N, C-alpha and C. Protein backbone atom coordinates (compact mmCIF):
# COMPACT_ATOMS: atom_id res chain seq x y z
N UNK A 1 -1.63 1.83 -23.97
CA UNK A 1 -1.92 2.91 -23.04
C UNK A 1 -3.15 3.77 -23.42
N UNK A 2 -3.81 4.18 -22.39
CA UNK A 2 -4.99 5.00 -22.68
C UNK A 2 -4.69 6.51 -22.81
N UNK A 3 -5.64 7.20 -23.25
CA UNK A 3 -5.35 8.73 -23.35
C UNK A 3 -5.87 9.49 -22.02
N UNK A 4 -6.04 8.79 -20.97
CA UNK A 4 -6.67 9.34 -19.74
C UNK A 4 -5.68 10.25 -19.37
N UNK A 5 -6.09 11.55 -18.94
CA UNK A 5 -5.27 12.43 -18.43
C UNK A 5 -4.45 12.00 -17.16
N UNK A 6 -3.24 12.51 -16.89
CA UNK A 6 -2.61 12.06 -15.71
C UNK A 6 -2.91 12.46 -14.34
N UNK A 7 -4.03 13.37 -14.31
CA UNK A 7 -4.08 14.06 -13.03
C UNK A 7 -5.75 14.18 -12.82
N UNK A 8 -6.37 13.22 -13.07
CA UNK A 8 -7.83 13.28 -12.82
C UNK A 8 -8.00 12.34 -11.53
N UNK A 9 -9.11 12.62 -10.72
CA UNK A 9 -9.58 11.64 -9.71
C UNK A 9 -10.78 10.98 -10.22
N UNK A 10 -10.73 9.87 -10.18
CA UNK A 10 -11.84 8.96 -10.76
C UNK A 10 -11.98 7.74 -10.13
N UNK A 11 -13.31 7.23 -10.07
CA UNK A 11 -13.50 5.82 -9.53
C UNK A 11 -13.84 5.03 -10.77
N UNK A 12 -13.34 3.84 -10.63
CA UNK A 12 -13.42 2.85 -11.75
C UNK A 12 -13.75 1.51 -11.27
N UNK A 13 -14.42 0.74 -12.15
CA UNK A 13 -14.41 -0.80 -11.99
C UNK A 13 -13.77 -1.45 -13.08
N UNK A 14 -12.77 -2.39 -12.66
CA UNK A 14 -12.08 -3.01 -13.76
C UNK A 14 -12.30 -4.55 -13.51
N UNK A 15 -11.82 -5.29 -14.45
CA UNK A 15 -12.08 -6.61 -14.49
C UNK A 15 -10.98 -7.28 -13.49
N UNK A 16 -11.54 -8.22 -12.64
CA UNK A 16 -10.49 -8.90 -11.68
C UNK A 16 -10.67 -10.15 -11.85
N UNK A 17 -9.91 -11.04 -11.07
CA UNK A 17 -9.96 -12.63 -11.17
C UNK A 17 -11.29 -13.05 -10.69
N UNK A 18 -12.11 -12.45 -9.97
CA UNK A 18 -13.37 -12.90 -9.49
C UNK A 18 -14.46 -12.13 -9.97
N UNK A 19 -14.15 -11.15 -10.83
CA UNK A 19 -15.30 -10.09 -11.23
C UNK A 19 -14.75 -8.81 -11.10
N UNK A 20 -15.73 -7.72 -10.82
CA UNK A 20 -15.27 -6.34 -10.71
C UNK A 20 -14.32 -6.10 -9.52
N UNK A 21 -13.43 -5.10 -9.79
CA UNK A 21 -12.63 -4.68 -8.63
C UNK A 21 -12.89 -3.03 -8.64
N UNK A 22 -12.98 -2.63 -7.47
CA UNK A 22 -13.38 -1.14 -7.41
C UNK A 22 -12.16 -0.35 -7.08
N UNK A 23 -11.86 0.60 -7.97
CA UNK A 23 -10.65 1.39 -7.74
C UNK A 23 -10.90 2.78 -7.57
N UNK A 24 -10.06 3.62 -6.98
CA UNK A 24 -10.06 5.04 -6.80
C UNK A 24 -8.63 5.55 -7.14
N UNK A 25 -8.61 6.39 -8.26
CA UNK A 25 -7.40 6.94 -8.80
C UNK A 25 -7.37 8.31 -8.24
N UNK A 26 -6.13 8.88 -7.75
CA UNK A 26 -5.99 10.15 -7.33
C UNK A 26 -4.45 10.55 -7.79
N UNK A 27 -4.39 11.95 -8.04
CA UNK A 27 -3.10 12.37 -8.60
C UNK A 27 -2.75 13.58 -7.92
N UNK A 28 -1.37 14.03 -8.15
CA UNK A 28 -0.90 15.30 -7.65
C UNK A 28 -1.71 16.48 -8.25
N UNK A 29 -1.79 17.69 -7.48
CA UNK A 29 -2.57 18.77 -8.08
C UNK A 29 -2.02 19.33 -9.49
N UNK A 30 -0.69 19.03 -9.52
CA UNK A 30 0.11 19.68 -10.70
C UNK A 30 1.05 18.67 -11.13
N UNK A 31 1.06 18.45 -12.41
CA UNK A 31 2.14 17.65 -13.05
C UNK A 31 2.44 18.36 -14.33
N UNK A 32 3.58 17.89 -14.86
CA UNK A 32 4.07 18.36 -16.30
C UNK A 32 3.55 17.45 -17.22
N UNK A 33 4.12 17.28 -18.32
CA UNK A 33 3.85 16.46 -19.48
C UNK A 33 4.50 15.15 -19.31
N UNK A 34 5.57 15.02 -18.37
CA UNK A 34 6.17 13.81 -18.27
C UNK A 34 5.51 12.74 -17.49
N UNK A 35 5.47 11.35 -17.80
CA UNK A 35 4.78 10.54 -16.90
C UNK A 35 5.34 10.58 -15.37
N UNK A 36 4.48 10.36 -14.53
CA UNK A 36 4.82 10.35 -13.08
C UNK A 36 4.60 8.80 -12.62
N UNK A 37 5.36 8.72 -11.44
CA UNK A 37 5.36 7.27 -10.71
C UNK A 37 3.77 7.19 -10.30
N UNK A 38 3.50 5.89 -10.00
CA UNK A 38 2.19 5.63 -9.37
C UNK A 38 2.56 4.56 -8.27
N UNK A 39 1.59 4.82 -7.17
CA UNK A 39 1.57 3.84 -6.10
C UNK A 39 0.35 3.20 -5.89
N UNK A 40 0.23 1.88 -5.68
CA UNK A 40 -0.87 1.16 -5.34
C UNK A 40 -0.82 0.94 -3.81
N UNK A 41 -2.00 1.22 -3.23
CA UNK A 41 -2.21 1.01 -1.71
C UNK A 41 -3.12 0.19 -1.23
N UNK A 42 -2.84 -0.92 -0.46
CA UNK A 42 -3.57 -1.89 0.01
C UNK A 42 -4.20 -1.72 1.23
N UNK A 43 -5.44 -2.07 1.39
CA UNK A 43 -6.13 -1.61 2.67
C UNK A 43 -6.03 -2.74 3.74
N UNK A 44 -6.57 -2.55 5.11
CA UNK A 44 -6.45 -3.56 6.06
C UNK A 44 -7.68 -4.62 5.92
N UNK A 45 -7.57 -5.29 6.87
CA UNK A 45 -8.44 -6.71 6.91
C UNK A 45 -9.85 -6.54 6.57
N UNK A 46 -10.33 -7.03 5.39
CA UNK A 46 -11.69 -7.04 4.98
C UNK A 46 -12.64 -7.31 5.83
N UNK A 47 -12.46 -8.38 6.68
CA UNK A 47 -13.34 -8.94 7.85
C UNK A 47 -13.41 -8.06 9.01
N UNK A 48 -12.54 -7.08 9.00
CA UNK A 48 -12.61 -6.16 10.25
C UNK A 48 -12.93 -4.73 9.81
N UNK A 49 -13.55 -4.50 8.66
CA UNK A 49 -13.92 -3.33 8.33
C UNK A 49 -12.99 -2.50 7.43
N UNK A 50 -12.04 -3.17 7.03
CA UNK A 50 -10.96 -2.47 6.23
C UNK A 50 -11.58 -2.27 4.75
N UNK A 51 -11.33 -1.18 4.14
CA UNK A 51 -11.61 -0.91 2.91
C UNK A 51 -10.60 0.26 2.35
N UNK A 52 -10.81 0.75 1.03
CA UNK A 52 -9.88 1.60 0.53
C UNK A 52 -10.11 2.86 1.04
N UNK A 53 -11.11 3.15 1.81
CA UNK A 53 -11.60 4.48 2.22
C UNK A 53 -11.08 4.64 3.84
N UNK A 54 -10.33 3.56 4.28
CA UNK A 54 -9.74 3.62 5.57
C UNK A 54 -8.90 4.90 5.75
N UNK A 55 -8.98 5.55 6.78
CA UNK A 55 -8.27 6.92 7.06
C UNK A 55 -6.62 6.73 6.80
N UNK A 56 -6.16 5.73 7.30
CA UNK A 56 -4.61 5.55 7.11
C UNK A 56 -4.41 5.26 5.79
N UNK A 57 -5.19 4.50 5.12
CA UNK A 57 -4.98 4.41 3.58
C UNK A 57 -4.93 5.69 2.91
N UNK A 58 -6.09 6.51 3.32
CA UNK A 58 -6.37 7.76 2.74
C UNK A 58 -5.17 8.56 2.83
N UNK A 59 -4.59 8.63 4.03
CA UNK A 59 -3.41 9.42 4.37
C UNK A 59 -2.18 8.97 3.52
N UNK A 60 -2.00 7.70 3.46
CA UNK A 60 -0.93 7.39 2.60
C UNK A 60 -1.05 7.72 1.16
N UNK A 61 -2.30 7.52 0.75
CA UNK A 61 -2.29 8.04 -0.83
C UNK A 61 -2.28 9.46 -0.91
N UNK A 62 -2.82 10.34 -0.04
CA UNK A 62 -2.65 11.81 -0.02
C UNK A 62 -1.15 12.25 0.10
N UNK A 63 -0.41 11.52 0.98
CA UNK A 63 1.12 11.74 1.02
C UNK A 63 1.79 11.48 -0.15
N UNK A 64 1.55 10.37 -0.73
CA UNK A 64 2.17 10.08 -2.13
C UNK A 64 1.67 11.16 -3.14
N UNK A 65 0.52 11.65 -3.09
CA UNK A 65 0.12 12.80 -4.14
C UNK A 65 0.93 13.99 -3.80
N UNK A 66 1.27 14.34 -2.58
CA UNK A 66 2.01 15.45 -2.27
C UNK A 66 3.47 15.21 -2.65
N UNK A 67 3.94 13.93 -2.88
CA UNK A 67 5.27 13.77 -3.28
C UNK A 67 5.36 13.78 -4.87
N UNK A 68 4.21 13.96 -5.43
CA UNK A 68 4.18 13.97 -6.99
C UNK A 68 4.01 12.71 -7.51
N UNK A 69 3.38 11.72 -6.71
CA UNK A 69 3.06 10.43 -7.15
C UNK A 69 1.59 10.10 -7.28
N UNK A 70 1.09 9.55 -8.32
CA UNK A 70 -0.14 9.20 -8.57
C UNK A 70 -0.47 7.94 -7.67
N UNK A 71 -1.85 7.82 -7.42
CA UNK A 71 -2.19 6.62 -6.43
C UNK A 71 -3.28 5.90 -7.04
N UNK A 72 -3.20 4.55 -6.72
CA UNK A 72 -4.47 3.77 -6.92
C UNK A 72 -4.79 3.07 -5.71
N UNK A 73 -6.06 3.36 -5.11
CA UNK A 73 -6.56 2.43 -3.99
C UNK A 73 -7.57 1.55 -4.69
N UNK A 74 -7.74 0.49 -4.03
CA UNK A 74 -8.83 -0.46 -4.48
C UNK A 74 -9.32 -1.28 -3.37
N UNK A 75 -10.55 -1.79 -3.53
CA UNK A 75 -11.11 -2.60 -2.49
C UNK A 75 -10.83 -4.07 -2.98
N UNK A 76 -10.38 -4.87 -1.94
CA UNK A 76 -10.06 -6.23 -2.13
C UNK A 76 -11.46 -6.94 -2.44
N UNK A 77 -11.30 -8.12 -3.12
CA UNK A 77 -12.58 -8.95 -3.17
C UNK A 77 -13.53 -9.03 -1.98
N UNK A 78 -14.97 -8.77 -2.44
CA UNK A 78 -15.93 -8.89 -1.35
C UNK A 78 -15.97 -7.78 -0.48
N UNK A 79 -15.27 -6.54 -0.86
CA UNK A 79 -15.39 -5.24 -0.11
C UNK A 79 -15.91 -4.18 -1.08
N UNK A 80 -17.08 -3.41 -0.67
CA UNK A 80 -17.73 -2.50 -1.52
C UNK A 80 -18.24 -3.09 -2.73
N UNK A 81 -17.70 -2.52 -3.97
CA UNK A 81 -18.18 -2.98 -5.20
C UNK A 81 -17.37 -4.09 -5.92
N UNK A 82 -16.38 -4.51 -5.05
CA UNK A 82 -15.55 -5.58 -5.73
C UNK A 82 -16.13 -7.07 -5.46
N UNK A 83 -16.20 -7.81 -6.44
CA UNK A 83 -16.81 -8.97 -6.44
C UNK A 83 -15.92 -10.10 -5.75
N UNK A 84 -16.42 -11.17 -5.30
CA UNK A 84 -15.84 -12.34 -4.81
C UNK A 84 -15.77 -12.44 -3.22
N UNK A 85 -15.09 -13.35 -2.67
CA UNK A 85 -15.11 -13.61 -1.12
C UNK A 85 -13.69 -13.61 -0.62
N UNK A 86 -13.62 -13.28 0.60
CA UNK A 86 -12.36 -13.07 1.19
C UNK A 86 -11.55 -14.50 1.21
N UNK A 87 -10.18 -14.40 1.06
CA UNK A 87 -9.49 -15.60 0.82
C UNK A 87 -8.06 -15.56 1.55
N UNK A 88 -8.09 -14.85 2.67
CA UNK A 88 -7.01 -14.90 3.57
C UNK A 88 -5.70 -14.30 3.00
N UNK A 89 -5.74 -13.52 1.89
CA UNK A 89 -4.43 -12.98 1.39
C UNK A 89 -4.13 -13.67 0.07
N UNK A 90 -4.61 -14.90 -0.15
CA UNK A 90 -4.18 -15.62 -1.23
C UNK A 90 -4.74 -15.03 -2.74
N UNK A 91 -6.05 -15.02 -2.73
CA UNK A 91 -6.61 -14.45 -3.97
C UNK A 91 -6.51 -12.96 -4.02
N UNK A 92 -6.32 -12.50 -2.80
CA UNK A 92 -6.23 -10.82 -2.70
C UNK A 92 -4.86 -10.43 -3.42
N UNK A 93 -4.00 -11.42 -3.34
CA UNK A 93 -2.70 -10.96 -4.12
C UNK A 93 -2.96 -11.00 -5.64
N UNK A 94 -3.95 -12.04 -6.09
CA UNK A 94 -4.40 -11.95 -7.50
C UNK A 94 -5.12 -10.70 -7.89
N UNK A 95 -5.85 -10.18 -6.95
CA UNK A 95 -6.52 -8.90 -7.01
C UNK A 95 -5.41 -7.72 -7.25
N UNK A 96 -4.44 -7.72 -6.42
CA UNK A 96 -3.35 -6.77 -6.56
C UNK A 96 -2.67 -6.94 -7.82
N UNK A 97 -2.57 -8.06 -8.34
CA UNK A 97 -1.73 -8.31 -9.63
C UNK A 97 -2.73 -7.66 -10.75
N UNK A 98 -4.01 -7.78 -10.73
CA UNK A 98 -4.91 -7.38 -11.74
C UNK A 98 -4.85 -5.91 -11.65
N UNK A 99 -4.79 -5.14 -10.43
CA UNK A 99 -4.76 -3.78 -10.51
C UNK A 99 -3.39 -3.27 -10.98
N UNK A 100 -2.36 -3.83 -10.74
CA UNK A 100 -1.06 -3.34 -11.34
C UNK A 100 -1.12 -3.64 -12.77
N UNK A 101 -1.53 -4.85 -13.37
CA UNK A 101 -1.50 -4.97 -14.63
C UNK A 101 -2.39 -3.76 -15.37
N UNK A 102 -3.48 -3.53 -14.84
CA UNK A 102 -4.31 -2.44 -15.32
C UNK A 102 -3.64 -1.07 -15.42
N UNK A 103 -2.91 -0.76 -14.25
CA UNK A 103 -2.27 0.48 -14.15
C UNK A 103 -1.06 0.51 -15.14
N UNK A 104 -0.32 -0.55 -15.27
CA UNK A 104 0.90 -0.53 -16.36
C UNK A 104 0.06 -0.20 -17.73
N UNK A 105 -0.85 -0.81 -18.00
CA UNK A 105 -1.44 -0.74 -19.27
C UNK A 105 -2.04 0.78 -19.50
N UNK A 106 -2.75 1.27 -18.69
CA UNK A 106 -3.38 2.46 -18.80
C UNK A 106 -2.52 3.79 -18.65
N UNK A 107 -1.51 3.57 -17.75
CA UNK A 107 -0.71 4.67 -17.33
C UNK A 107 0.82 4.56 -17.66
N UNK A 108 1.28 3.37 -17.80
CA UNK A 108 2.71 3.22 -18.16
C UNK A 108 3.57 4.05 -17.22
N UNK A 109 3.36 3.82 -15.87
CA UNK A 109 4.26 4.66 -15.09
C UNK A 109 5.69 4.22 -15.04
N UNK A 110 6.66 5.27 -15.05
CA UNK A 110 8.13 5.01 -15.11
C UNK A 110 8.59 4.31 -13.73
N UNK A 111 7.86 4.54 -12.76
CA UNK A 111 8.01 3.61 -11.49
C UNK A 111 6.89 3.19 -10.80
N UNK A 112 6.78 2.10 -10.24
CA UNK A 112 5.59 1.66 -9.44
C UNK A 112 6.14 1.34 -8.06
N UNK A 113 5.28 2.23 -7.04
CA UNK A 113 5.46 1.97 -5.57
C UNK A 113 4.19 1.20 -5.27
N UNK A 114 4.47 0.63 -4.00
CA UNK A 114 3.46 -0.23 -3.39
C UNK A 114 3.55 -0.02 -1.87
N UNK A 115 2.33 0.05 -1.29
CA UNK A 115 2.11 0.25 0.13
C UNK A 115 0.96 -0.57 0.64
N UNK A 116 1.09 -0.83 1.88
CA UNK A 116 0.10 -1.64 2.57
C UNK A 116 -0.12 -1.33 4.03
N UNK A 117 -1.30 -1.26 4.56
CA UNK A 117 -1.51 -1.07 5.84
C UNK A 117 -2.20 -2.29 6.55
N UNK A 118 -1.45 -2.86 7.59
CA UNK A 118 -1.99 -4.10 8.30
C UNK A 118 -2.11 -5.07 7.37
N UNK A 119 -3.09 -5.80 7.33
CA UNK A 119 -3.35 -6.91 6.34
C UNK A 119 -2.98 -6.66 4.87
N UNK A 120 -3.08 -5.28 4.58
CA UNK A 120 -2.68 -4.86 3.27
C UNK A 120 -1.21 -5.03 3.14
N UNK A 121 -0.51 -4.89 4.12
CA UNK A 121 1.01 -4.94 4.04
C UNK A 121 1.38 -6.43 3.75
N UNK A 122 0.56 -7.28 4.26
CA UNK A 122 0.81 -8.72 3.91
C UNK A 122 0.68 -9.04 2.45
N UNK A 123 -0.39 -8.52 1.84
CA UNK A 123 -0.59 -8.77 0.37
C UNK A 123 0.37 -7.93 -0.34
N UNK A 124 0.73 -6.72 0.04
CA UNK A 124 1.89 -6.03 -0.73
C UNK A 124 3.16 -6.81 -0.61
N UNK A 125 3.62 -7.28 0.43
CA UNK A 125 4.83 -7.91 0.59
C UNK A 125 4.76 -9.41 -0.28
N UNK A 126 3.62 -9.97 -0.21
CA UNK A 126 3.50 -11.30 -1.03
C UNK A 126 3.76 -11.00 -2.43
N UNK A 127 3.27 -9.83 -2.94
CA UNK A 127 3.35 -9.56 -4.35
C UNK A 127 4.35 -8.75 -4.82
N UNK A 128 5.14 -8.04 -3.99
CA UNK A 128 6.10 -6.95 -4.51
C UNK A 128 7.24 -7.51 -5.47
N UNK A 129 7.70 -8.66 -5.21
CA UNK A 129 8.80 -9.23 -6.05
C UNK A 129 8.51 -9.30 -7.58
N UNK A 130 7.36 -10.03 -7.79
CA UNK A 130 7.06 -10.26 -9.10
C UNK A 130 6.35 -9.12 -9.84
N UNK A 131 5.98 -8.12 -9.13
CA UNK A 131 5.18 -6.92 -9.79
C UNK A 131 6.20 -5.81 -10.15
N UNK A 132 7.50 -6.02 -9.96
CA UNK A 132 8.61 -5.01 -10.41
C UNK A 132 8.42 -3.63 -9.60
N UNK A 133 8.32 -3.76 -8.33
CA UNK A 133 8.04 -2.58 -7.46
C UNK A 133 9.36 -1.92 -7.17
N UNK A 134 9.29 -0.45 -7.31
CA UNK A 134 10.51 0.30 -7.14
C UNK A 134 10.66 0.62 -5.75
N UNK A 135 9.65 0.77 -4.84
CA UNK A 135 9.68 1.27 -3.54
C UNK A 135 8.49 0.49 -2.81
N UNK A 136 8.66 0.23 -1.54
CA UNK A 136 7.74 -0.44 -0.66
C UNK A 136 7.45 0.22 0.59
N UNK A 137 6.19 0.51 0.94
CA UNK A 137 5.93 1.05 2.23
C UNK A 137 4.99 0.14 2.99
N UNK A 138 5.33 -0.32 4.17
CA UNK A 138 4.56 -1.18 5.16
C UNK A 138 4.16 -0.45 6.35
N UNK A 139 2.96 -0.22 6.67
CA UNK A 139 2.51 0.43 7.93
C UNK A 139 1.89 -0.48 8.76
N UNK A 140 2.19 -0.60 10.12
CA UNK A 140 1.77 -1.60 11.08
C UNK A 140 1.62 -3.00 10.38
N UNK A 141 2.81 -3.65 9.78
CA UNK A 141 2.80 -4.71 8.96
C UNK A 141 2.39 -5.86 9.86
N UNK A 142 1.70 -6.83 9.11
CA UNK A 142 1.15 -8.15 9.79
C UNK A 142 2.26 -9.19 9.84
N UNK A 143 3.16 -9.01 10.79
CA UNK A 143 4.39 -9.83 10.81
C UNK A 143 4.11 -11.29 11.18
N UNK A 144 2.99 -11.43 11.83
CA UNK A 144 2.67 -12.92 12.26
C UNK A 144 2.45 -13.63 10.90
N UNK A 145 1.67 -12.85 9.99
CA UNK A 145 1.62 -13.63 8.74
C UNK A 145 2.78 -13.73 7.86
N UNK A 146 3.63 -12.75 8.03
CA UNK A 146 4.97 -12.65 7.19
C UNK A 146 5.79 -13.82 7.76
N UNK A 147 5.82 -14.04 9.07
CA UNK A 147 6.54 -15.16 9.66
C UNK A 147 6.19 -16.53 9.24
N UNK A 148 4.86 -16.60 9.27
CA UNK A 148 4.26 -18.06 9.00
C UNK A 148 4.33 -18.31 7.46
N UNK A 149 4.39 -17.30 6.68
CA UNK A 149 4.55 -17.43 5.20
C UNK A 149 5.99 -17.48 4.66
N UNK A 150 6.97 -17.16 5.78
CA UNK A 150 8.41 -17.01 5.38
C UNK A 150 8.72 -15.69 4.47
N UNK A 151 8.00 -14.83 4.52
CA UNK A 151 8.05 -13.64 3.57
C UNK A 151 9.23 -12.87 3.89
N UNK A 152 10.07 -12.29 2.95
CA UNK A 152 11.32 -11.58 3.25
C UNK A 152 11.25 -10.34 2.37
N UNK A 153 11.86 -9.21 2.89
CA UNK A 153 12.10 -7.99 2.04
C UNK A 153 13.07 -8.33 0.91
N UNK A 154 13.04 -7.51 -0.11
CA UNK A 154 13.87 -7.55 -1.21
C UNK A 154 14.73 -6.35 -1.14
N UNK A 155 15.71 -6.16 -2.05
CA UNK A 155 16.82 -5.09 -2.05
C UNK A 155 16.23 -3.72 -2.77
N UNK A 156 15.05 -3.23 -2.24
CA UNK A 156 14.62 -1.98 -2.80
C UNK A 156 14.27 -0.97 -1.68
N UNK A 157 14.26 0.41 -1.96
CA UNK A 157 14.00 1.17 -0.84
C UNK A 157 12.76 0.82 -0.13
N UNK A 158 12.63 0.62 1.13
CA UNK A 158 11.66 0.11 1.91
C UNK A 158 11.60 0.75 3.33
N UNK A 159 10.37 1.34 3.61
CA UNK A 159 10.05 1.94 4.88
C UNK A 159 9.04 1.40 5.62
N UNK A 160 9.42 1.04 6.93
CA UNK A 160 8.27 0.22 7.76
C UNK A 160 7.95 1.26 8.83
N UNK A 161 6.83 1.52 9.22
CA UNK A 161 6.29 2.36 10.30
C UNK A 161 5.38 1.56 11.13
N UNK A 162 5.69 1.71 12.49
CA UNK A 162 5.04 0.99 13.50
C UNK A 162 4.76 1.86 14.72
N UNK A 163 3.67 1.73 15.22
CA UNK A 163 3.23 2.28 16.56
C UNK A 163 3.63 1.50 17.68
N UNK A 164 4.06 2.00 18.82
CA UNK A 164 4.41 1.23 19.97
C UNK A 164 3.19 0.86 20.80
N UNK A 165 1.96 1.45 20.70
CA UNK A 165 0.87 1.09 21.43
C UNK A 165 -0.21 0.43 20.67
N UNK A 166 0.26 -0.37 19.63
CA UNK A 166 -0.45 -1.13 18.73
C UNK A 166 -0.92 -2.45 19.30
N UNK A 167 -2.21 -2.73 19.57
CA UNK A 167 -2.57 -4.02 20.19
C UNK A 167 -3.23 -4.92 19.15
N UNK A 168 -3.06 -4.60 17.98
CA UNK A 168 -3.41 -5.51 16.91
C UNK A 168 -2.21 -6.19 16.25
N UNK A 169 -1.37 -5.48 15.87
CA UNK A 169 0.03 -5.88 15.42
C UNK A 169 1.08 -5.84 16.57
N UNK A 170 1.78 -7.00 16.90
CA UNK A 170 2.73 -6.83 17.91
C UNK A 170 3.99 -6.15 17.61
N UNK A 171 4.21 -4.87 18.31
CA UNK A 171 5.48 -3.97 18.09
C UNK A 171 6.78 -4.78 18.23
N UNK A 172 6.84 -5.58 19.31
CA UNK A 172 8.14 -6.34 19.50
C UNK A 172 8.27 -7.24 18.29
N UNK A 173 7.11 -7.82 17.83
CA UNK A 173 7.23 -8.91 16.69
C UNK A 173 7.70 -8.21 15.48
N UNK A 174 7.37 -6.93 15.29
CA UNK A 174 7.78 -6.11 14.08
C UNK A 174 9.16 -5.89 14.09
N UNK A 175 9.68 -5.43 15.35
CA UNK A 175 11.01 -5.20 15.62
C UNK A 175 11.88 -6.54 15.26
N UNK A 176 11.50 -7.56 15.83
CA UNK A 176 12.35 -8.81 15.77
C UNK A 176 12.27 -9.28 14.10
N UNK A 177 11.14 -9.06 13.47
CA UNK A 177 11.23 -9.57 12.09
C UNK A 177 12.03 -8.67 11.31
N UNK A 178 12.11 -7.37 11.60
CA UNK A 178 12.92 -6.49 10.72
C UNK A 178 14.42 -6.74 11.08
N UNK A 179 14.72 -7.05 12.34
CA UNK A 179 16.18 -7.48 12.73
C UNK A 179 16.71 -8.74 11.95
N UNK A 180 15.79 -9.63 11.77
CA UNK A 180 16.07 -10.82 11.11
C UNK A 180 16.25 -10.69 9.48
N UNK A 181 15.99 -9.52 8.84
CA UNK A 181 15.98 -9.38 7.48
C UNK A 181 17.23 -9.25 6.93
N UNK A 182 17.58 -9.85 5.94
CA UNK A 182 18.87 -9.70 5.04
C UNK A 182 18.85 -8.22 4.52
N UNK A 183 17.87 -7.79 3.88
CA UNK A 183 17.91 -6.38 3.38
C UNK A 183 17.17 -5.58 4.35
N UNK A 184 17.72 -4.68 5.14
CA UNK A 184 17.24 -3.95 6.14
C UNK A 184 16.51 -2.76 5.68
N UNK A 185 15.11 -2.56 6.00
CA UNK A 185 14.38 -1.38 5.73
C UNK A 185 14.72 -0.13 6.49
N UNK A 186 14.27 0.98 6.24
CA UNK A 186 14.17 2.18 7.17
C UNK A 186 12.93 1.81 7.97
N UNK A 187 13.27 2.03 9.32
CA UNK A 187 12.26 1.74 10.25
C UNK A 187 11.82 2.92 11.14
N UNK A 188 10.51 3.36 11.14
CA UNK A 188 10.12 4.46 11.88
C UNK A 188 9.28 3.85 13.05
N UNK A 189 9.75 3.96 14.35
CA UNK A 189 9.07 3.72 15.43
C UNK A 189 8.27 4.83 16.02
N UNK A 190 7.08 4.78 15.96
CA UNK A 190 6.23 5.99 16.53
C UNK A 190 5.72 5.71 17.95
N UNK A 191 6.38 6.34 18.94
CA UNK A 191 5.99 6.04 20.27
C UNK A 191 4.77 6.42 20.68
N UNK A 192 4.04 5.61 21.23
CA UNK A 192 2.65 5.73 21.83
C UNK A 192 1.47 5.80 20.69
N UNK A 193 1.92 5.60 19.53
CA UNK A 193 0.88 5.54 18.35
C UNK A 193 0.02 4.19 18.61
N UNK A 194 -1.29 4.21 18.57
CA UNK A 194 -2.14 3.08 18.51
C UNK A 194 -2.30 2.41 17.07
N UNK A 195 -3.13 1.43 16.98
CA UNK A 195 -3.19 0.74 15.81
C UNK A 195 -3.67 1.44 14.60
N UNK A 196 -4.42 2.62 14.91
CA UNK A 196 -4.99 3.37 13.86
C UNK A 196 -4.54 4.75 13.81
N UNK A 197 -3.35 4.99 14.50
CA UNK A 197 -2.62 6.15 14.42
C UNK A 197 -3.54 7.32 14.84
N UNK A 198 -4.50 7.19 15.96
CA UNK A 198 -5.52 8.18 16.18
C UNK A 198 -4.73 9.40 16.68
N UNK A 199 -4.97 10.54 16.12
CA UNK A 199 -4.31 11.80 16.56
C UNK A 199 -2.97 11.85 16.18
N UNK A 200 -2.39 10.92 15.28
CA UNK A 200 -1.07 11.02 14.91
C UNK A 200 -0.85 10.89 13.41
N UNK A 201 -2.14 11.13 12.68
CA UNK A 201 -2.00 10.95 11.21
C UNK A 201 -1.13 11.91 10.52
N UNK A 202 -0.86 13.26 11.15
CA UNK A 202 0.04 14.22 10.73
C UNK A 202 1.49 13.67 10.83
N UNK A 203 1.75 13.02 11.92
CA UNK A 203 3.04 12.68 12.06
C UNK A 203 3.25 11.31 11.07
N UNK A 204 2.45 10.49 10.97
CA UNK A 204 2.51 9.35 9.93
C UNK A 204 2.72 9.97 8.51
N UNK A 205 2.06 11.13 8.22
CA UNK A 205 2.40 11.80 6.87
C UNK A 205 3.88 12.21 6.72
N UNK A 206 4.31 12.78 7.89
CA UNK A 206 5.71 13.26 8.00
C UNK A 206 6.71 12.22 7.77
N UNK A 207 6.28 11.07 8.50
CA UNK A 207 7.10 10.04 8.57
C UNK A 207 7.52 9.30 7.21
N UNK A 208 6.44 9.55 6.32
CA UNK A 208 6.67 9.09 4.87
C UNK A 208 7.37 10.04 4.07
N UNK A 209 6.98 11.27 4.28
CA UNK A 209 7.56 12.43 3.32
C UNK A 209 9.10 12.69 3.58
N UNK A 210 9.47 12.74 4.96
CA UNK A 210 10.72 13.28 5.23
C UNK A 210 11.74 12.29 4.55
N UNK A 211 11.80 10.99 4.59
CA UNK A 211 12.76 10.15 3.95
C UNK A 211 12.75 10.09 2.42
N UNK A 212 11.48 10.11 1.86
CA UNK A 212 11.24 9.93 0.46
C UNK A 212 11.20 11.11 -0.42
N UNK A 213 11.06 12.36 0.21
CA UNK A 213 10.91 13.55 -0.60
C UNK A 213 12.41 13.85 -1.19
N UNK A 214 13.45 13.32 -0.57
CA UNK A 214 14.91 13.78 -0.82
C UNK A 214 15.29 12.63 -1.70
N UNK A 215 14.66 11.45 -1.85
CA UNK A 215 15.39 10.34 -2.46
C UNK A 215 14.81 10.12 -3.94
């Protein structure tokens, strides 16, 4: 474990499977001396402009910080300063594993949370079981990819948020996938929200805070 202070904002390059991975670590404004949970947040599709600076990804990280949780955002391979090429979620899951391994070594968080937006939710769901995740957040999840891969939720606290006016991810498809799960998540249906939650980011923040600040 490093001697890095628990509450700095810093950008880093770490070693990944295909070369450098670009990270952004942010923390709550105030923490005590005890270790805090950390969340890793996965961004949307790299070939459609998705990066760790996506505004939904930013709001997720900011919301976790408000809950007293440190966050690590990172760029998948081939995005920003991260080396490598897009691999449809396969090697991106290896990128996620490398970030989690680094986080566990550097900060040794008592709990590890995981979140993903759109394509990032696919990578998060692919990796969550083996990574020892305590909580999972999926925003506008890529259920078509889930279904084709046979991916299922596990028995950990899980929150799924979906906008009803999403024309990228099928809202009925998300509802059907959730209904078929053995382990049912908490499901927040945001009426009239579009794929990027335009004008609804405050509501998105509240949708995360309200169920998790009391648990």
